Amino acid sequence: MQVAVVTFDGFNELDSFIASALINRCRKDGLEAFITTPTPTVTSMNGMEVTGQRPMEFATEADVVLIGSGVKTRDVVADDRLISMLPLDPSRQLIGSQCSGALVLARLGLLGAMPACTDTMSRPFVESCGVTVLDAPFHAEGNIATAGGCLASQYLATWVITRTLGEDAARRVIDYVAPVGEKPETVERAMRALRAGEAALR
């Protein structure tokens, strides 16, 4: 199972790298994430230049697609060429967004009436798309999920691992990376966020 972590120029390092690093803890189980970019290299919001591991076309064939955020997301959604490179299909793919990535899901018409999570700065722009924004770090309906706040990327990764490999696998990954002395509560917080995000508005 392959995961495309879609990463645009101006990206937020925490959003793309936390999700991909957590998911790649599951390589031995057949789940692997790749930084997926529209150009050979992209530069982060803090000036870090990164070479993409996969081209944007990879997102079409990936089993899971996570749309990262960044300071240029509004430029991305205004670019018809970039948007046309993401013909995503929630009937066969798990699709998630991080922070301003919710703007991309809205532009692609994937949210419909579904509420979304995003960061504080992106909230008014997401709402201007007619999307209800939740005061929550994570929300999922079916094969689509959104997360809000940089560190909520751990919840997005937990969702992906849980949906593909099961809850036990997700618990093992979060336990491994959790701060020493805080492992049980960190694991339970992640699983609580998933349960709350999937139960909201039922």
C-alpha atoms as a PDB file:
ATOM      1  CA  MET A   1       0.000   0.000   0.000  1.00  0.00           C
ATOM      2  CA  GLN A   2       1.405   3.329  -1.052  1.00  0.00           C
ATOM      3  CA  VAL A   3       0.774   6.781   0.364  1.00  0.00           C
ATOM      4  CA  ALA A   4       1.281  10.016  -1.555  1.00  0.00           C
ATOM      5  CA  VAL A   5       2.028  12.911   0.787  1.00  0.00           C
ATOM      6  CA  VAL A   6       1.317  15.755  -1.613  1.00  0.00           C
ATOM      7  CA  THR A   7       3.738  18.569  -0.877  1.00  0.00           C
ATOM      8  CA  PHE A   8       3.617  21.915  -2.662  1.00  0.00           C
ATOM      9  CA  ASP A   9       6.105  24.766  -2.776  1.00  0.00           C
ATOM     10  CA  GLY A  10       5.926  26.767   0.457  1.00  0.00           C
ATOM     11  CA  PHE A  11       4.984  23.635   2.393  1.00  0.00           C
ATOM     12  CA  ASN A  12       4.888  23.284   6.164  1.00  0.00           C
ATOM     13  CA  GLU A  13       7.615  20.818   7.180  1.00  0.00           C
ATOM     14  CA  LEU A  14       5.705  19.520  10.203  1.00  0.00           C
ATOM     15  CA  ASP A  15       2.657  18.626   8.147  1.00  0.00           C
ATOM     16  CA  SER A  16       4.437  16.631   5.453  1.00  0.00           C
ATOM     17  CA  PHE A  17       7.265  15.105   7.450  1.00  0.00           C
ATOM     18  CA  ILE A  18       5.421  14.000  10.601  1.00  0.00           C
ATOM     19  CA  ALA A  19       2.785  12.147   8.612  1.00  0.00           C
ATOM     20  CA  SER A  20       5.278  10.494   6.262  1.00  0.00           C
ATOM     21  CA  ALA A  21       7.690   9.565   9.061  1.00  0.00           C
ATOM     22  CA  LEU A  22       4.985   7.922  11.166  1.00  0.00           C
ATOM     23  CA  ILE A  23       3.524   6.020   8.235  1.00  0.00           C
ATOM     24  CA  ASN A  24       6.977   4.829   7.164  1.00  0.00           C
ATOM     25  CA  ARG A  25       7.343   3.089  10.508  1.00  0.00           C
ATOM     26  CA  CYS A  26       5.061   0.524   8.835  1.00  0.00           C
ATOM     27  CA  ARG A  27       7.226  -0.235   5.804  1.00  0.00           C
ATOM     28  CA  LYS A  28       7.818  -3.816   6.941  1.00  0.00           C
ATOM     29  CA  ASP A  29       4.048  -4.284   6.948  1.00  0.00           C
ATOM     30  CA  GLY A  30       3.723  -3.025   3.383  1.00  0.00           C
ATOM     31  CA  LEU A  31       2.633   0.565   4.024  1.00  0.00           C
ATOM     32  CA  GLU A  32       4.966   3.232   2.670  1.00  0.00           C
ATOM     33  CA  ALA A  33       4.711   7.011   2.244  1.00  0.00           C
ATOM     34  CA  PHE A  34       6.397   9.160  -0.386  1.00  0.00           C
ATOM     35  CA  ILE A  35       6.795  12.929  -0.552  1.00  0.00           C
ATOM     36  CA  THR A  36       4.941  13.704  -3.785  1.00  0.00           C
ATOM     37  CA  THR A  37       5.619  16.999  -5.530  1.00  0.00           C
ATOM     38  CA  PRO A  38       4.461  18.876  -8.661  1.00  0.00           C
ATOM     39  CA  THR A  39       8.062  19.846  -9.512  1.00  0.00           C
ATOM     40  CA  PRO A  40      11.346  17.960  -8.950  1.00  0.00           C
ATOM     41  CA  THR A  41      12.122  20.119  -5.913  1.00  0.00           C
ATOM     42  CA  VAL A  42      10.013  22.254  -3.590  1.00  0.00           C
ATOM     43  CA  THR A  43      11.039  24.750  -0.938  1.00  0.00           C
ATOM     44  CA  SER A  44       9.387  24.842   2.468  1.00  0.00           C
ATOM     45  CA  MET A  45       7.962  27.889   4.192  1.00  0.00           C
ATOM     46  CA  ASN A  46      11.217  28.074   6.151  1.00  0.00           C
ATOM     47  CA  GLY A  47      13.542  27.726   3.167  1.00  0.00           C
ATOM     48  CA  MET A  48      14.247  23.978   3.246  1.00  0.00           C
ATOM     49  CA  GLU A  49      14.660  22.603  -0.268  1.00  0.00           C
ATOM     50  CA  VAL A  50      13.408  19.056  -0.722  1.00  0.00           C
ATOM     51  CA  THR A  51      13.590  16.696  -3.667  1.00  0.00           C
ATOM     52  CA  GLY A  52      10.306  14.945  -4.293  1.00  0.00           C
ATOM     53  CA  GLN A  53      10.287  11.157  -4.053  1.00  0.00           C
ATOM     54  CA  ARG A  54       7.433  10.782  -6.506  1.00  0.00           C
ATOM     55  CA  PRO A  55       5.930  13.062  -9.195  1.00  0.00           C
ATOM     56  CA  MET A  56       2.420  14.429  -8.812  1.00  0.00           C
ATOM     57  CA  GLU A  57       1.015  11.777 -11.157  1.00  0.00           C
ATOM     58  CA  PHE A  58       1.729   9.223  -8.429  1.00  0.00           C
ATOM     59  CA  ALA A  59      -1.207  10.601  -6.425  1.00  0.00           C
ATOM     60  CA  THR A  60      -3.597   9.113  -8.971  1.00  0.00           C
ATOM     61  CA  GLU A  61      -2.370   5.558  -8.387  1.00  0.00           C
ATOM     62  CA  ALA A  62      -1.633   5.751  -4.644  1.00  0.00           C
ATOM     63  CA  ASP A  63      -3.871   3.900  -2.191  1.00  0.00           C
ATOM     64  CA  VAL A  64      -3.798   6.881   0.170  1.00  0.00           C
ATOM     65  CA  VAL A  65      -3.360  10.587  -0.604  1.00  0.00           C
ATOM     66  CA  LEU A  66      -2.595  13.165   2.071  1.00  0.00           C
ATOM     67  CA  ILE A  67      -2.628  16.828   1.048  1.00  0.00           C
ATOM     68  CA  GLY A  68      -0.151  18.832   3.079  1.00  0.00           C
ATOM     69  CA  SER A  69      -0.431  22.524   3.853  1.00  0.00           C
ATOM     70  CA  GLY A  70       1.746  25.557   3.342  1.00  0.00           C
ATOM     71  CA  VAL A  71       1.876  29.281   2.826  1.00  0.00           C
ATOM     72  CA  LYS A  72       1.002  29.063  -0.881  1.00  0.00           C
ATOM     73  CA  THR A  73      -2.092  26.850  -0.730  1.00  0.00           C
ATOM     74  CA  ARG A  74      -4.373  29.615  -1.973  1.00  0.00           C
ATOM     75  CA  ASP A  75      -2.113  29.946  -5.017  1.00  0.00           C
ATOM     76  CA  VAL A  76      -2.363  26.189  -5.506  1.00  0.00           C
ATOM     77  CA  VAL A  77      -6.160  26.134  -5.534  1.00  0.00           C
ATOM     78  CA  ALA A  78      -6.194  29.049  -7.993  1.00  0.00           C
ATOM     79  CA  ASP A  79      -3.947  27.121 -10.385  1.00  0.00           C
ATOM     80  CA  ASP A  80      -6.124  25.006 -12.687  1.00  0.00           C
ATOM     81  CA  ARG A  81      -3.079  23.125 -13.987  1.00  0.00           C
ATOM     82  CA  LEU A  82      -2.040  21.988 -10.521  1.00  0.00           C
ATOM     83  CA  ILE A  83      -5.566  21.037  -9.522  1.00  0.00           C
ATOM     84  CA  SER A  84      -6.002  19.026 -12.727  1.00  0.00           C
ATOM     85  CA  MET A  85      -3.063  16.863 -11.620  1.00  0.00           C
ATOM     86  CA  LEU A  86      -5.138  15.541  -8.712  1.00  0.00           C
ATOM     87  CA  PRO A  87      -8.042  13.483 -10.109  1.00  0.00           C
ATOM     88  CA  LEU A  88      -8.604  11.744  -6.764  1.00  0.00           C
ATOM     89  CA  ASP A  89     -11.217   9.045  -6.182  1.00  0.00           C
ATOM     90  CA  PRO A  90     -12.553   8.483  -2.638  1.00  0.00           C
ATOM     91  CA  SER A  91     -14.290   5.302  -3.770  1.00  0.00           C
ATOM     92  CA  ARG A  92     -10.898   3.602  -4.009  1.00  0.00           C
ATOM     93  CA  GLN A  93      -8.515   5.907  -2.125  1.00  0.00           C
ATOM     94  CA  LEU A  94      -8.218   7.153   1.427  1.00  0.00           C
ATOM     95  CA  ILE A  95      -7.874  10.935   1.133  1.00  0.00           C
ATOM     96  CA  GLY A  96      -6.823  13.298   3.898  1.00  0.00           C
ATOM     97  CA  SER A  97      -5.842  16.925   4.278  1.00  0.00           C
ATOM     98  CA  GLN A  98      -3.732  18.769   6.789  1.00  0.00           C
ATOM     99  CA  CYS A  99      -4.547  22.373   7.755  1.00  0.00           C
ATOM    100  CA  SER A 100      -4.814  24.483   4.579  1.00  0.00           C
ATOM    101  CA  GLY A 101      -4.904  21.276   2.556  1.00  0.00           C
ATOM    102  CA  ALA A 102      -8.652  21.379   3.246  1.00  0.00           C
ATOM    103  CA  LEU A 103      -8.790  24.164   0.638  1.00  0.00           C
ATOM    104  CA  VAL A 104      -7.541  21.683  -1.950  1.00  0.00           C
ATOM    105  CA  LEU A 105     -10.181  19.112  -0.986  1.00  0.00           C
ATOM    106  CA  ALA A 106     -12.847  21.819  -1.235  1.00  0.00           C
ATOM    107  CA  ARG A 107     -11.546  22.952  -4.644  1.00  0.00           C
ATOM    108  CA  LEU A 108     -11.639  19.335  -5.852  1.00  0.00           C
ATOM    109  CA  GLY A 109     -15.258  19.040  -4.698  1.00  0.00           C
ATOM    110  CA  LEU A 110     -14.445  16.213  -2.312  1.00  0.00           C
ATOM    111  CA  LEU A 111     -15.893  17.691   0.873  1.00  0.00           C
ATOM    112  CA  GLY A 112     -19.462  18.262  -0.258  1.00  0.00           C
ATOM    113  CA  ALA A 113     -21.517  18.898   2.880  1.00  0.00           C
ATOM    114  CA  MET A 114     -18.842  17.385   5.104  1.00  0.00           C
ATOM    115  CA  PRO A 115     -17.402  19.684   7.786  1.00  0.00           C
ATOM    116  CA  ALA A 116     -13.640  19.991   7.986  1.00  0.00           C
ATOM    117  CA  CYS A 117     -10.764  20.672  10.343  1.00  0.00           C
ATOM    118  CA  THR A 118      -8.095  23.209   9.503  1.00  0.00           C
ATOM    119  CA  ASP A 119      -5.707  25.610  11.215  1.00  0.00           C
ATOM    120  CA  THR A 120      -6.694  28.975  12.652  1.00  0.00           C
ATOM    121  CA  MET A 121      -5.090  31.025   9.869  1.00  0.00           C
ATOM    122  CA  SER A 122      -6.746  28.984   7.111  1.00  0.00           C
ATOM    123  CA  ARG A 123     -10.175  28.855   8.724  1.00  0.00           C
ATOM    124  CA  PRO A 124     -11.712  31.965   7.089  1.00  0.00           C
ATOM    125  CA  PHE A 125     -10.552  30.839   3.634  1.00  0.00           C
ATOM    126  CA  VAL A 126     -11.970  27.348   4.107  1.00  0.00           C
ATOM    127  CA  GLU A 127     -15.235  28.820   5.384  1.00  0.00           C
ATOM    128  CA  SER A 128     -15.387  31.089   2.344  1.00  0.00           C
ATOM    129  CA  CYS A 129     -15.631  27.902   0.272  1.00  0.00           C
ATOM    130  CA  GLY A 130     -18.902  27.119   2.052  1.00  0.00           C
ATOM    131  CA  VAL A 131     -17.325  24.516   4.334  1.00  0.00           C
ATOM    132  CA  THR A 132     -18.237  24.319   8.015  1.00  0.00           C
ATOM    133  CA  VAL A 133     -15.037  24.298  10.076  1.00  0.00           C
ATOM    134  CA  LEU A 134     -15.012  22.315  13.316  1.00  0.00           C
ATOM    135  CA  ASP A 135     -13.237  23.345  16.506  1.00  0.00           C
ATOM    136  CA  ALA A 136     -11.516  19.976  16.562  1.00  0.00           C
ATOM    137  CA  PRO A 137      -8.160  18.524  15.508  1.00  0.00           C
ATOM    138  CA  PHE A 138      -9.510  15.664  13.396  1.00  0.00           C
ATOM    139  CA  HIS A 139     -12.636  14.661  11.523  1.00  0.00           C
ATOM    140  CA  ALA A 140     -13.339  11.790   9.149  1.00  0.00           C
ATOM    141  CA  GLU A 141     -16.303  10.595   7.159  1.00  0.00           C
ATOM    142  CA  GLY A 142     -15.902   7.452   5.089  1.00  0.00           C
ATOM    143  CA  ASN A 143     -12.664   7.631   3.127  1.00  0.00           C
ATOM    144  CA  ILE A 144     -12.056  11.350   3.658  1.00  0.00           C
ATOM    145  CA  ALA A 145     -10.386  12.941   6.679  1.00  0.00           C
ATOM    146  CA  THR A 146      -9.166  16.392   7.646  1.00  0.00           C
ATOM    147  CA  ALA A 147      -6.841  17.515  10.419  1.00  0.00           C
ATOM    148  CA  GLY A 148      -6.225  20.960  11.887  1.00  0.00           C
ATOM    149  CA  GLY A 149      -3.076  22.218  13.599  1.00  0.00           C
ATOM    150  CA  CYS A 150       0.451  21.113  12.686  1.00  0.00           C
ATOM    151  CA  LEU A 151       0.759  18.471  15.394  1.00  0.00           C
ATOM    152  CA  ALA A 152      -2.612  17.016  14.406  1.00  0.00           C
ATOM    153  CA  SER A 153      -0.706  15.399  11.541  1.00  0.00           C
ATOM    154  CA  GLN A 154      -0.074  12.561  13.980  1.00  0.00           C
ATOM    155  CA  TYR A 155      -3.832  11.947  14.032  1.00  0.00           C
ATOM    156  CA  LEU A 156      -3.986  11.885  10.242  1.00  0.00           C
ATOM    157  CA  ALA A 157      -1.167   9.326  10.179  1.00  0.00           C
ATOM    158  CA  THR A 158      -2.866   7.319  12.932  1.00  0.00           C
ATOM    159  CA  TRP A 159      -6.055   7.273  10.849  1.00  0.00           C
ATOM    160  CA  VAL A 160      -4.187   6.014   7.791  1.00  0.00           C
ATOM    161  CA  ILE A 161      -2.415   3.254   9.721  1.00  0.00           C
ATOM    162  CA  THR A 162      -5.595   2.223  11.528  1.00  0.00           C
ATOM    163  CA  ARG A 163      -7.614   2.072   8.298  1.00  0.00           C
ATOM    164  CA  THR A 164      -4.958   0.098   6.412  1.00  0.00           C
ATOM    165  CA  LEU A 165      -3.229  -2.079   9.012  1.00  0.00           C
ATOM    166  CA  GLY A 166      -5.497  -1.932  12.052  1.00  0.00           C
ATOM    167  CA  GLU A 167      -5.569  -0.226  15.428  1.00  0.00           C
ATOM    168  CA  ASP A 168      -2.832  -2.374  16.969  1.00  0.00           C
ATOM    169  CA  ALA A 169      -0.365  -1.251  14.302  1.00  0.00           C
ATOM    170  CA  ALA A 170      -1.279   2.399  14.882  1.00  0.00           C
ATOM    171  CA  ARG A 171      -0.871   2.018  18.625  1.00  0.00           C
ATOM    172  CA  ARG A 172       2.596   0.519  18.175  1.00  0.00           C
ATOM    173  CA  VAL A 173       3.751   3.397  15.997  1.00  0.00           C
ATOM    174  CA  ILE A 174       2.471   6.128  18.309  1.00  0.00           C
ATOM    175  CA  ASP A 175       3.903   4.321  21.339  1.00  0.00           C
ATOM    176  CA  TYR A 176       7.305   4.182  19.661  1.00  0.00           C
ATOM    177  CA  VAL A 177       7.497   7.908  18.915  1.00  0.00           C
ATOM    178  CA  ALA A 178       5.754   9.176  22.069  1.00  0.00           C
ATOM    179  CA  PRO A 179       7.802  11.067  24.670  1.00  0.00           C
ATOM    180  CA  VAL A 180       9.380   8.848  27.318  1.00  0.00           C
ATOM    181  CA  GLY A 181       7.203   8.806  30.409  1.00  0.00           C
ATOM    182  CA  GLU A 182       4.146   9.839  28.390  1.00  0.00           C
ATOM    183  CA  LYS A 183       3.635   6.854  26.122  1.00  0.00           C
ATOM    184  CA  PRO A 184       0.293   5.449  27.359  1.00  0.00           C
ATOM    185  CA  GLU A 185      -1.432   8.838  27.469  1.00  0.00           C
ATOM    186  CA  THR A 186      -0.031   9.818  24.050  1.00  0.00           C
ATOM    187  CA  VAL A 187      -1.356   6.638  22.478  1.00  0.00           C
ATOM    188  CA  GLU A 188      -4.749   7.042  24.125  1.00  0.00           C
ATOM    189  CA  ARG A 189      -4.953  10.698  23.070  1.00  0.00           C
ATOM    190  CA  ALA A 190      -4.390   9.721  19.443  1.00  0.00           C
ATOM    191  CA  MET A 191      -6.988   6.968  19.552  1.00  0.00           C
ATOM    192  CA  ARG A 192      -9.443   9.295  21.331  1.00  0.00           C
ATOM    193  CA  ALA A 193      -8.997  11.890  18.592  1.00  0.00           C
ATOM    194  CA  LEU A 194      -9.829   9.275  15.973  1.00  0.00           C
ATOM    195  CA  ARG A 195     -12.900   8.015  17.803  1.00  0.00           C
ATOM    196  CA  ALA A 196     -14.166  11.545  18.431  1.00  0.00           C
ATOM    197  CA  GLY A 197     -13.463  12.607  14.835  1.00  0.00           C
ATOM    198  CA  GLU A 198     -15.308   9.647  13.390  1.00  0.00           C
ATOM    199  CA  ALA A 199     -18.222   9.928  15.820  1.00  0.00           C
ATOM    200  CA  ALA A 200     -18.846  13.671  15.332  1.00  0.00           C
ATOM    201  CA  LEU A 201     -22.188  14.659  13.884  1.00  0.00           C
ATOM    202  CA  ARG A 202     -23.544  11.101  13.895  1.00  0.00           C
END
